[in-house]
C-alpha atoms as a PDB file:
ATOM      1  CA  UNK A   1     120.963 114.899  91.341  1.00  0.00           C
ATOM      2  CA  UNK A   2     124.004 116.267  93.091  1.00  0.00           C
ATOM      3  CA  UNK A   3     126.663 113.825  94.294  1.00  0.00           C
ATOM      4  CA  UNK A   4     125.766 112.543  97.753  1.00  0.00           C
ATOM      5  CA  UNK A   5     122.052 112.704  97.022  1.00  0.00           C
ATOM      6  CA  UNK A   6     119.629 110.415  95.319  1.00  0.00           C
ATOM      7  CA  UNK A   7     119.819 106.671  94.901  1.00  0.00           C
ATOM      8  CA  UNK A   8     123.487 106.407  95.899  1.00  0.00           C
ATOM      9  CA  UNK A   9     122.809 108.143  99.192  1.00  0.00           C
ATOM     10  CA  UNK A  10     119.666 106.108  99.884  1.00  0.00           C
ATOM     11  CA  UNK A  11     121.517 102.836  99.257  1.00  0.00           C
ATOM     12  CA  UNK A  12     124.373 103.991 101.492  1.00  0.00           C
ATOM     13  CA  UNK A  13     121.957 104.842 104.321  1.00  0.00           C
ATOM     14  CA  UNK A  14     120.293 101.433 104.053  1.00  0.00           C
ATOM     15  CA  UNK A  15     123.645  99.630 104.091  1.00  0.00           C
ATOM     16  CA  UNK A  16     124.740 101.601 107.152  1.00  0.00           C
ATOM     17  CA  UNK A  17     121.663 100.787 109.211  1.00  0.00           C
ATOM     18  CA  UNK A  18     121.232  97.111 108.319  1.00  0.00           C
ATOM     19  CA  UNK A  19     124.911  96.188 108.606  1.00  0.00           C
ATOM     20  CA  UNK A  20     125.168  93.608 111.398  1.00  0.00           C
ATOM     21  CA  UNK A  21     121.478  93.958 112.242  1.00  0.00           C
ATOM     22  CA  UNK A  22     119.740  90.589 111.922  1.00  0.00           C
ATOM     23  CA  UNK A  23     116.746  91.692 113.983  1.00  0.00           C
ATOM     24  CA  UNK A  24     113.662  93.051 112.266  1.00  0.00           C
ATOM     25  CA  UNK A  25     114.441  96.494 110.930  1.00  0.00           C
ATOM     26  CA  UNK A  26     112.342  98.948 108.941  1.00  0.00           C
ATOM     27  CA  UNK A  27     113.247 102.019 106.924  1.00  0.00           C
ATOM     28  CA  UNK A  28     110.589 104.474 105.849  1.00  0.00           C
ATOM     29  CA  UNK A  29     110.650 107.017 103.043  1.00  0.00           C
ATOM     30  CA  UNK A  30     107.869 109.593 102.869  1.00  0.00           C
ATOM     31  CA  UNK A  31     107.648 112.131 100.076  1.00  0.00           C
ATOM     32  CA  UNK A  32     105.328 114.028  97.818  1.00  0.00           C
ATOM     33  CA  UNK A  33     106.011 112.764  94.322  1.00  0.00           C
ATOM     34  CA  UNK A  34     107.108 115.299  91.723  1.00  0.00           C
ATOM     35  CA  UNK A  35     104.923 116.145  88.753  1.00  0.00           C
ATOM     36  CA  UNK A  36     107.294 114.387  86.371  1.00  0.00           C
ATOM     37  CA  UNK A  37     106.745 110.614  86.663  1.00  0.00           C
ATOM     38  CA  UNK A  38     110.093 110.076  84.912  1.00  0.00           C
ATOM     39  CA  UNK A  39     112.041 112.026  87.552  1.00  0.00           C
ATOM     40  CA  UNK A  40     115.019 110.321  89.175  1.00  0.00           C
ATOM     41  CA  UNK A  41     113.183 109.686  92.434  1.00  0.00           C
ATOM     42  CA  UNK A  42     110.280 108.025  90.621  1.00  0.00           C
ATOM     43  CA  UNK A  43     112.720 105.869  88.641  1.00  0.00           C
ATOM     44  CA  UNK A  44     114.206 104.781  91.982  1.00  0.00           C
ATOM     45  CA  UNK A  45     110.699 104.030  93.301  1.00  0.00           C
ATOM     46  CA  UNK A  46     109.927 101.833  90.302  1.00  0.00           C
ATOM     47  CA  UNK A  47     113.243 100.028  90.768  1.00  0.00           C
ATOM     48  CA  UNK A  48     112.504  99.431  94.471  1.00  0.00           C
ATOM     49  CA  UNK A  49     109.042  98.077  93.643  1.00  0.00           C
ATOM     50  CA  UNK A  50     110.715  95.213  91.760  1.00  0.00           C
ATOM     51  CA  UNK A  51     112.210  93.937  95.016  1.00  0.00           C
ATOM     52  CA  UNK A  52     110.498  90.885  96.483  1.00  0.00           C
ATOM     53  CA  UNK A  53     110.481  92.468  99.922  1.00  0.00           C
ATOM     54  CA  UNK A  54     108.920  95.777  98.902  1.00  0.00           C
ATOM     55  CA  UNK A  55     105.268  96.808  99.047  1.00  0.00           C
ATOM     56  CA  UNK A  56     104.043 100.074  97.582  1.00  0.00           C
ATOM     57  CA  UNK A  57     101.072 101.817  99.151  1.00  0.00           C
ATOM     58  CA  UNK A  58      99.582 105.083  97.959  1.00  0.00           C
ATOM     59  CA  UNK A  59      97.583 107.232 100.352  1.00  0.00           C
ATOM     60  CA  UNK A  60      96.153 110.724 100.204  1.00  0.00           C
ATOM     61  CA  UNK A  61      94.452 113.232 102.479  1.00  0.00           C
ATOM     62  CA  UNK A  62      91.151 111.363 102.316  1.00  0.00           C
ATOM     63  CA  UNK A  63      92.697 108.367 104.103  1.00  0.00           C
ATOM     64  CA  UNK A  64      93.307 110.099 107.428  1.00  0.00           C
ATOM     65  CA  UNK A  65      90.885 111.493 110.012  1.00  0.00           C
ATOM     66  CA  UNK A  66      89.646 114.998 109.200  1.00  0.00           C
ATOM     67  CA  UNK A  67      90.790 116.092 112.665  1.00  0.00           C
ATOM     68  CA  UNK A  68      94.431 115.449 111.647  1.00  0.00           C
ATOM     69  CA  UNK A  69      94.210 117.944 108.804  1.00  0.00           C
ATOM     70  CA  UNK A  70      91.590 120.428 109.874  1.00  0.00           C
ATOM     71  CA  UNK A  71      88.411 121.514 108.180  1.00  0.00           C
ATOM     72  CA  UNK A  72      90.035 124.487 106.418  1.00  0.00           C
ATOM     73  CA  UNK A  73      92.655 122.319 104.672  1.00  0.00           C
ATOM     74  CA  UNK A  74      89.999 119.915 103.430  1.00  0.00           C
ATOM     75  CA  UNK A  75      87.830 122.794 102.239  1.00  0.00           C
ATOM     76  CA  UNK A  76      90.843 124.221 100.410  1.00  0.00           C
ATOM     77  CA  UNK A  77      91.500 120.886  98.707  1.00  0.00           C
ATOM     78  CA  UNK A  78      87.871 120.575  97.655  1.00  0.00           C
ATOM     79  CA  UNK A  79      87.867 124.145  96.302  1.00  0.00           C
ATOM     80  CA  UNK A  80      90.977 123.391  94.244  1.00  0.00           C
ATOM     81  CA  UNK A  81      89.218 120.279  92.935  1.00  0.00           C
ATOM     82  CA  UNK A  82      86.378 122.493  91.720  1.00  0.00           C
ATOM     83  CA  UNK A  83      88.678 125.121  90.169  1.00  0.00           C
ATOM     84  CA  UNK A  84      91.597 123.106  88.767  1.00  0.00           C
ATOM     85  CA  UNK A  85      91.155 119.341  88.695  1.00  0.00           C
ATOM     86  CA  UNK A  86      94.603 118.708  87.194  1.00  0.00           C
ATOM     87  CA  UNK A  87      96.384 120.581  89.989  1.00  0.00           C
ATOM     88  CA  UNK A  88      94.111 118.954  92.587  1.00  0.00           C
ATOM     89  CA  UNK A  89      94.933 115.482  91.279  1.00  0.00           C
ATOM     90  CA  UNK A  90      98.667 116.146  91.515  1.00  0.00           C
ATOM     91  CA  UNK A  91      98.726 118.082  94.765  1.00  0.00           C
ATOM     92  CA  UNK A  92      96.156 116.191  96.806  1.00  0.00           C
ATOM     93  CA  UNK A  93      95.741 112.721  95.344  1.00  0.00           C
ATOM     94  CA  UNK A  94      99.442 111.892  94.999  1.00  0.00           C
ATOM     95  CA  UNK A  95     100.379 113.257  98.397  1.00  0.00           C
ATOM     96  CA  UNK A  96     102.062 110.273 100.014  1.00  0.00           C
ATOM     97  CA  UNK A  97     103.639 107.092  98.747  1.00  0.00           C
ATOM     98  CA  UNK A  98     105.175 104.450 100.895  1.00  0.00           C
ATOM     99  CA  UNK A  99     106.925 101.198 100.316  1.00  0.00           C
ATOM    100  CA  UNK A 100     107.004  98.354 102.788  1.00  0.00           C
ATOM    101  CA  UNK A 101     109.477  95.536 102.881  1.00  0.00           C
ATOM    102  CA  UNK A 102     109.373  92.571 105.210  1.00  0.00           C
ATOM    103  CA  UNK A 103     112.543  93.730 106.943  1.00  0.00           C
ATOM    104  CA  UNK A 104     112.761  97.285 105.644  1.00  0.00           C
ATOM    105  CA  UNK A 105     110.017  99.812 105.176  1.00  0.00           C
ATOM    106  CA  UNK A 106     110.378 102.201 102.259  1.00  0.00           C
ATOM    107  CA  UNK A 107     108.193 105.224 102.345  1.00  0.00           C
END
């Protein structure tokens, strides 16, 4: 990662927002995970999951109302499932990860 990005930047953002803030505060990080589970962002995720105040939740397109996505998107996902299960599993079943802490929310 380039300087000013990645874990250093995420830690800096957290420190900035929670400094002097004793009230309940949540941070959220939403992202589509990369194909490589050993990527830097996934290493950071695994590190964050070791925190006592962090909860990891995995969701995908099947967890939201169809009306949010539209029938055509769901049909497209199902067609990809039929044609290329490996790509479907990566693209559609690992769509969103989020991490919840008692005082901070990581997504």
